[in-house]
């Protein structure tokens, strides 16, 4: 405002600074809201995925006896695991290194 009086220019600058500060505060609030929403969404998705895939049991689903030893069901549970002790046996021979070329997954053919 080159031709405006000095007090009018000062009032305009004050209004401009106020608008700028209010806009920056609004952007800050929006950024915080987006960040908090993102964290909530990631947490909720993590809980959903942790319970959705088979092989994961929720805590407290295995009943225990009065002695503190967990009951071992004789049939597998719905999640695909059983409470019975594992019967994994080691391999009869150690692993052998092969001379196969490495797998390259660059996306190009």
N, C-alpha and C. Protein backbone atom coordinates (compact mmCIF):
# COMPACT_ATOMS: atom_id res chain seq x y z
N UNK A 1 0.82 -1.16 0.00
CA UNK A 1 0.00 0.00 0.00
C UNK A 1 0.88 1.25 0.00
N UNK A 2 1.43 1.59 -1.12
CA UNK A 2 2.36 2.71 -1.15
C UNK A 2 1.72 4.04 -0.85
N UNK A 3 0.47 4.32 -1.25
CA UNK A 3 -0.13 5.62 -1.04
C UNK A 3 -0.94 5.73 0.24
N UNK A 4 -1.04 4.66 1.03
CA UNK A 4 -1.87 4.67 2.23
C UNK A 4 -1.15 5.40 3.36
N UNK A 5 -1.91 5.99 4.28
CA UNK A 5 -1.28 6.62 5.42
C UNK A 5 -0.56 5.59 6.29
N UNK A 6 0.36 6.09 7.11
CA UNK A 6 1.21 5.21 7.91
C UNK A 6 0.38 4.35 8.88
N UNK A 7 -0.62 4.92 9.52
CA UNK A 7 -1.41 4.15 10.48
C UNK A 7 -2.26 3.09 9.78
N UNK A 8 -2.71 3.34 8.56
CA UNK A 8 -3.49 2.35 7.81
C UNK A 8 -2.59 1.18 7.42
N UNK A 9 -1.35 1.48 7.04
CA UNK A 9 -0.41 0.42 6.67
C UNK A 9 -0.09 -0.44 7.89
N UNK A 10 0.08 0.17 9.04
CA UNK A 10 0.37 -0.58 10.26
C UNK A 10 -0.81 -1.48 10.63
N UNK A 11 -2.02 -0.98 10.48
CA UNK A 11 -3.20 -1.78 10.77
C UNK A 11 -3.29 -2.95 9.81
N UNK A 12 -3.00 -2.72 8.54
CA UNK A 12 -3.03 -3.80 7.55
C UNK A 12 -1.99 -4.86 7.88
N UNK A 13 -0.78 -4.42 8.25
CA UNK A 13 0.28 -5.38 8.60
C UNK A 13 -0.10 -6.18 9.84
N UNK A 14 -0.75 -5.52 10.81
CA UNK A 14 -1.17 -6.22 12.02
C UNK A 14 -2.20 -7.29 11.68
N UNK A 15 -3.14 -6.95 10.82
CA UNK A 15 -4.17 -7.92 10.41
C UNK A 15 -3.52 -9.06 9.63
N UNK A 16 -2.56 -8.75 8.78
CA UNK A 16 -1.89 -9.78 7.99
C UNK A 16 -1.11 -10.73 8.90
N UNK A 17 -0.41 -10.17 9.90
CA UNK A 17 0.33 -11.01 10.84
C UNK A 17 -0.62 -11.90 11.64
N UNK A 18 -1.74 -11.35 12.05
CA UNK A 18 -2.73 -12.12 12.81
C UNK A 18 -3.28 -13.28 11.98
N UNK A 19 -3.62 -13.01 10.73
CA UNK A 19 -4.11 -14.07 9.84
C UNK A 19 -3.06 -15.15 9.65
N UNK A 20 -1.81 -14.72 9.45
CA UNK A 20 -0.73 -15.68 9.28
C UNK A 20 -0.58 -16.56 10.51
N UNK A 21 -0.57 -15.96 11.69
CA UNK A 21 -0.42 -16.72 12.92
C UNK A 21 -1.59 -17.68 13.14
N UNK A 22 -2.79 -17.24 12.86
CA UNK A 22 -3.96 -18.11 13.00
C UNK A 22 -3.90 -19.27 12.01
N UNK A 23 -3.44 -18.99 10.79
CA UNK A 23 -3.32 -20.06 9.79
C UNK A 23 -2.26 -21.07 10.19
N UNK A 24 -1.13 -20.59 10.71
CA UNK A 24 -0.09 -21.52 11.16
C UNK A 24 -0.57 -22.37 12.33
N UNK A 25 -1.33 -21.77 13.23
CA UNK A 25 -1.88 -22.53 14.36
C UNK A 25 -2.86 -23.59 13.85
N UNK A 26 -3.69 -23.24 12.87
CA UNK A 26 -4.65 -24.19 12.29
C UNK A 26 -3.91 -25.34 11.62
N UNK A 27 -2.86 -25.04 10.88
CA UNK A 27 -2.07 -26.09 10.22
C UNK A 27 -1.45 -27.01 11.27
N UNK A 28 -0.97 -26.43 12.37
CA UNK A 28 -0.40 -27.24 13.44
C UNK A 28 -1.42 -28.18 14.06
N UNK A 29 -2.64 -27.68 14.28
CA UNK A 29 -3.69 -28.53 14.84
C UNK A 29 -4.06 -29.66 13.88
N UNK A 30 -4.15 -29.32 12.61
CA UNK A 30 -4.49 -30.35 11.61
C UNK A 30 -3.40 -31.40 11.54
N UNK A 31 -2.13 -30.96 11.58
CA UNK A 31 -1.01 -31.91 11.53
C UNK A 31 -1.03 -32.83 12.75
N UNK A 32 -1.28 -32.29 13.93
CA UNK A 32 -1.36 -33.13 15.13
C UNK A 32 -2.51 -34.12 15.03
N UNK A 33 -3.64 -33.69 14.51
CA UNK A 33 -4.80 -34.58 14.37
C UNK A 33 -4.50 -35.71 13.39
N UNK A 34 -3.84 -35.39 12.30
CA UNK A 34 -3.49 -36.42 11.31
C UNK A 34 -2.50 -37.40 11.93
N UNK A 35 -1.52 -36.91 12.67
CA UNK A 35 -0.54 -37.79 13.31
C UNK A 35 -1.19 -38.71 14.32
N UNK A 36 -2.06 -38.17 15.16
CA UNK A 36 -2.74 -38.99 16.16
C UNK A 36 -3.65 -40.02 15.50
N UNK A 37 -4.35 -39.62 14.45
CA UNK A 37 -5.22 -40.56 13.74
C UNK A 37 -4.42 -41.67 13.09
N UNK A 38 -3.27 -41.32 12.54
CA UNK A 38 -2.42 -42.33 11.91
C UNK A 38 -1.93 -43.34 12.94
N UNK A 39 -1.49 -42.85 14.10
CA UNK A 39 -1.03 -43.77 15.14
C UNK A 39 -2.16 -44.68 15.60
N UNK A 40 -3.34 -44.14 15.77
CA UNK A 40 -4.48 -44.95 16.17
C UNK A 40 -4.81 -46.01 15.12
N UNK A 41 -4.77 -45.61 13.85
CA UNK A 41 -5.08 -46.55 12.77
C UNK A 41 -4.05 -47.67 12.71
N UNK A 42 -2.77 -47.33 12.87
CA UNK A 42 -1.72 -48.36 12.83
C UNK A 42 -1.87 -49.30 14.01
N UNK A 43 -2.18 -48.77 15.19
CA UNK A 43 -2.38 -49.62 16.35
C UNK A 43 -3.56 -50.55 16.18
N UNK A 44 -4.66 -50.03 15.68
CA UNK A 44 -5.86 -50.86 15.46
C UNK A 44 -5.60 -51.92 14.40
N UNK A 45 -4.93 -51.54 13.34
CA UNK A 45 -4.61 -52.51 12.29
C UNK A 45 -3.67 -53.59 12.82
N UNK A 46 -2.71 -53.20 13.64
CA UNK A 46 -1.80 -54.18 14.23
C UNK A 46 -2.52 -55.18 15.10
N UNK A 47 -3.46 -54.69 15.92
CA UNK A 47 -4.23 -55.61 16.75
C UNK A 47 -5.09 -56.53 15.90
N UNK A 48 -5.70 -55.99 14.86
CA UNK A 48 -6.54 -56.81 13.99
C UNK A 48 -5.72 -57.89 13.31
N UNK A 49 -4.58 -57.52 12.75
CA UNK A 49 -3.74 -58.49 12.04
C UNK A 49 -3.19 -59.53 13.00
N UNK A 50 -2.84 -59.12 14.21
CA UNK A 50 -2.30 -60.08 15.19
C UNK A 50 -3.33 -61.14 15.55
N UNK A 51 -4.58 -60.78 15.55
CA UNK A 51 -5.62 -61.75 15.90
C UNK A 51 -6.21 -62.46 14.69
N UNK A 52 -6.00 -61.93 13.50
CA UNK A 52 -6.64 -62.49 12.31
C UNK A 52 -5.90 -63.69 11.76
N UNK A 53 -4.59 -63.71 11.85
CA UNK A 53 -3.84 -64.80 11.25
C UNK A 53 -3.82 -66.01 12.15
N UNK A 54 -3.90 -67.22 11.57
CA UNK A 54 -3.88 -68.43 12.38
C UNK A 54 -2.51 -68.62 13.01
N UNK A 55 -2.51 -69.33 14.13
CA UNK A 55 -1.25 -69.61 14.81
C UNK A 55 -0.97 -68.64 15.94
N UNK A 56 -1.80 -67.66 16.12
CA UNK A 56 -1.62 -66.71 17.21
C UNK A 56 -2.76 -66.89 18.20
N UNK A 57 -2.40 -67.12 19.44
CA UNK A 57 -3.43 -67.25 20.47
C UNK A 57 -3.46 -65.97 21.28
N UNK A 58 -4.64 -65.61 21.70
CA UNK A 58 -4.75 -64.45 22.58
C UNK A 58 -4.39 -64.88 23.99
N UNK A 59 -3.92 -63.95 24.79
CA UNK A 59 -3.52 -64.28 26.15
C UNK A 59 -4.75 -64.63 26.96
N UNK A 60 -4.59 -65.57 27.86
CA UNK A 60 -5.69 -65.96 28.72
C UNK A 60 -6.61 -67.00 28.11
N UNK A 61 -6.30 -67.53 26.91
CA UNK A 61 -7.19 -68.49 26.30
C UNK A 61 -6.91 -69.91 26.78
N UNK A 62 -5.73 -70.16 27.36
CA UNK A 62 -5.40 -71.49 27.84
C UNK A 62 -5.76 -71.57 29.31
N UNK A 63 -6.71 -72.42 29.67
CA UNK A 63 -7.08 -72.54 31.09
C UNK A 63 -5.97 -73.23 31.86
N UNK A 64 -5.81 -72.90 33.12
CA UNK A 64 -4.79 -73.55 33.94
C UNK A 64 -5.46 -74.24 35.11
N UNK A 65 -4.79 -75.26 35.64
CA UNK A 65 -5.33 -76.00 36.78
C UNK A 65 -4.96 -75.26 38.05
N UNK A 66 -5.38 -75.79 39.16
CA UNK A 66 -5.10 -75.14 40.43
C UNK A 66 -3.62 -75.19 40.78
N UNK A 67 -2.87 -76.12 40.18
CA UNK A 67 -1.44 -76.21 40.47
C UNK A 67 -0.63 -75.26 39.60
N UNK A 68 -1.27 -74.59 38.65
CA UNK A 68 -0.57 -73.64 37.81
C UNK A 68 -0.04 -74.25 36.53
N UNK A 69 -0.28 -75.53 36.29
CA UNK A 69 0.17 -76.20 35.07
C UNK A 69 -0.95 -76.12 34.04
N UNK A 70 -0.62 -75.74 32.83
CA UNK A 70 -1.65 -75.58 31.80
C UNK A 70 -2.14 -76.94 31.33
N UNK A 71 -3.44 -77.02 31.06
CA UNK A 71 -4.02 -78.23 30.48
C UNK A 71 -3.52 -78.37 29.05
N UNK A 72 -3.27 -79.59 28.63
CA UNK A 72 -2.82 -79.82 27.25
C UNK A 72 -3.92 -80.56 26.53
N UNK A 73 -4.61 -79.90 25.60
CA UNK A 73 -5.69 -80.58 24.87
C UNK A 73 -5.13 -81.66 23.95
N UNK A 74 -5.92 -82.71 23.74
CA UNK A 74 -5.45 -83.81 22.90
C UNK A 74 -5.73 -83.54 21.43
N UNK A 75 -6.59 -82.58 21.13
CA UNK A 75 -6.87 -82.25 19.74
C UNK A 75 -6.38 -80.83 19.47
N UNK A 76 -6.01 -80.56 18.23
CA UNK A 76 -5.54 -79.20 17.91
C UNK A 76 -6.64 -78.17 18.13
N UNK A 77 -6.23 -76.98 18.50
CA UNK A 77 -7.19 -75.90 18.68
C UNK A 77 -7.55 -75.32 17.33
N UNK A 78 -8.48 -74.38 17.32
CA UNK A 78 -8.95 -73.81 16.06
C UNK A 78 -7.87 -72.99 15.38
N UNK A 79 -6.85 -72.53 16.12
CA UNK A 79 -5.82 -71.72 15.50
C UNK A 79 -4.75 -72.57 14.82
N UNK A 80 -4.86 -73.89 14.89
CA UNK A 80 -3.91 -74.74 14.19
C UNK A 80 -2.76 -75.19 15.06
N UNK A 81 -2.72 -74.80 16.31
CA UNK A 81 -1.66 -75.23 17.21
C UNK A 81 -2.26 -76.15 18.24
N UNK A 82 -1.46 -76.95 18.85
CA UNK A 82 -1.96 -77.82 19.90
C UNK A 82 -1.19 -77.52 21.17
N UNK A 83 -1.78 -77.86 22.28
CA UNK A 83 -1.14 -77.63 23.56
C UNK A 83 -0.17 -78.75 23.92
N UNK A 84 -0.13 -79.82 23.11
CA UNK A 84 0.75 -80.93 23.39
C UNK A 84 2.20 -80.54 23.17
N UNK A 85 3.13 -81.19 23.88
CA UNK A 85 4.54 -80.87 23.68
C UNK A 85 4.97 -81.13 22.24
N UNK A 86 5.94 -80.37 21.79
CA UNK A 86 6.42 -80.49 20.43
C UNK A 86 7.21 -81.78 20.24
N UNK A 87 7.03 -82.42 19.09
CA UNK A 87 7.76 -83.65 18.78
C UNK A 87 8.62 -83.44 17.55
N UNK A 88 9.31 -82.33 17.49
CA UNK A 88 10.18 -82.04 16.35
C UNK A 88 11.47 -82.83 16.52
N UNK A 89 11.85 -83.51 15.46
CA UNK A 89 13.11 -84.26 15.51
C UNK A 89 14.14 -83.58 14.62
N UNK A 90 15.40 -83.62 14.99
CA UNK A 90 16.43 -82.99 14.17
C UNK A 90 16.62 -83.76 12.86
N UNK A 91 17.16 -83.12 11.83
CA UNK A 91 17.39 -83.82 10.57
C UNK A 91 18.44 -84.91 10.73
N UNK A 92 18.35 -85.92 9.87
CA UNK A 92 19.30 -87.02 9.96
C UNK A 92 20.68 -86.63 9.46
N UNK A 93 20.78 -85.67 8.55
CA UNK A 93 22.09 -85.21 8.08
C UNK A 93 22.10 -83.69 8.09
N UNK A 94 23.27 -83.08 8.21
CA UNK A 94 23.33 -81.61 8.24
C UNK A 94 22.97 -81.03 6.88
N UNK A 95 22.60 -79.78 6.82
CA UNK A 95 22.26 -79.14 5.55
C UNK A 95 23.46 -79.13 4.61
N UNK A 96 23.19 -79.24 3.32
CA UNK A 96 24.25 -79.26 2.31
C UNK A 96 24.13 -77.98 1.48
N UNK A 97 25.27 -77.32 1.26
CA UNK A 97 25.28 -76.11 0.44
C UNK A 97 25.13 -76.51 -1.02
N UNK A 98 24.26 -75.80 -1.73
CA UNK A 98 24.05 -76.09 -3.15
C UNK A 98 24.72 -75.02 -3.99
N UNK A 99 24.84 -75.28 -5.28
CA UNK A 99 25.49 -74.32 -6.18
C UNK A 99 24.47 -73.64 -7.08
N UNK A 100 23.25 -73.55 -6.62
CA UNK A 100 22.21 -72.89 -7.41
C UNK A 100 22.50 -71.39 -7.49
N UNK A 101 22.20 -70.76 -8.66
CA UNK A 101 22.43 -69.32 -8.76
C UNK A 101 21.48 -68.57 -7.81
N UNK A 102 21.87 -67.39 -7.35
CA UNK A 102 21.01 -66.64 -6.45
C UNK A 102 19.75 -66.15 -7.16
N UNK A 103 18.71 -66.01 -6.39
CA UNK A 103 17.43 -65.53 -6.93
C UNK A 103 17.50 -64.01 -6.99
N UNK A 104 17.21 -63.46 -8.17
CA UNK A 104 17.22 -62.03 -8.37
C UNK A 104 15.80 -61.57 -8.64
N UNK A 105 15.31 -60.65 -7.84
CA UNK A 105 13.95 -60.13 -8.01
C UNK A 105 14.03 -58.63 -8.24
N UNK A 106 14.45 -58.25 -9.43
CA UNK A 106 14.60 -56.82 -9.71
C UNK A 106 13.35 -56.22 -10.30
N UNK A 107 12.43 -57.03 -10.75
CA UNK A 107 11.22 -56.53 -11.37
C UNK A 107 11.32 -56.45 -12.89
N UNK A 108 12.52 -56.45 -13.41
CA UNK A 108 12.71 -56.41 -14.87
C UNK A 108 12.80 -57.84 -15.39
N UNK A 109 12.39 -58.03 -16.63
CA UNK A 109 12.48 -59.38 -17.20
C UNK A 109 13.43 -59.42 -18.35
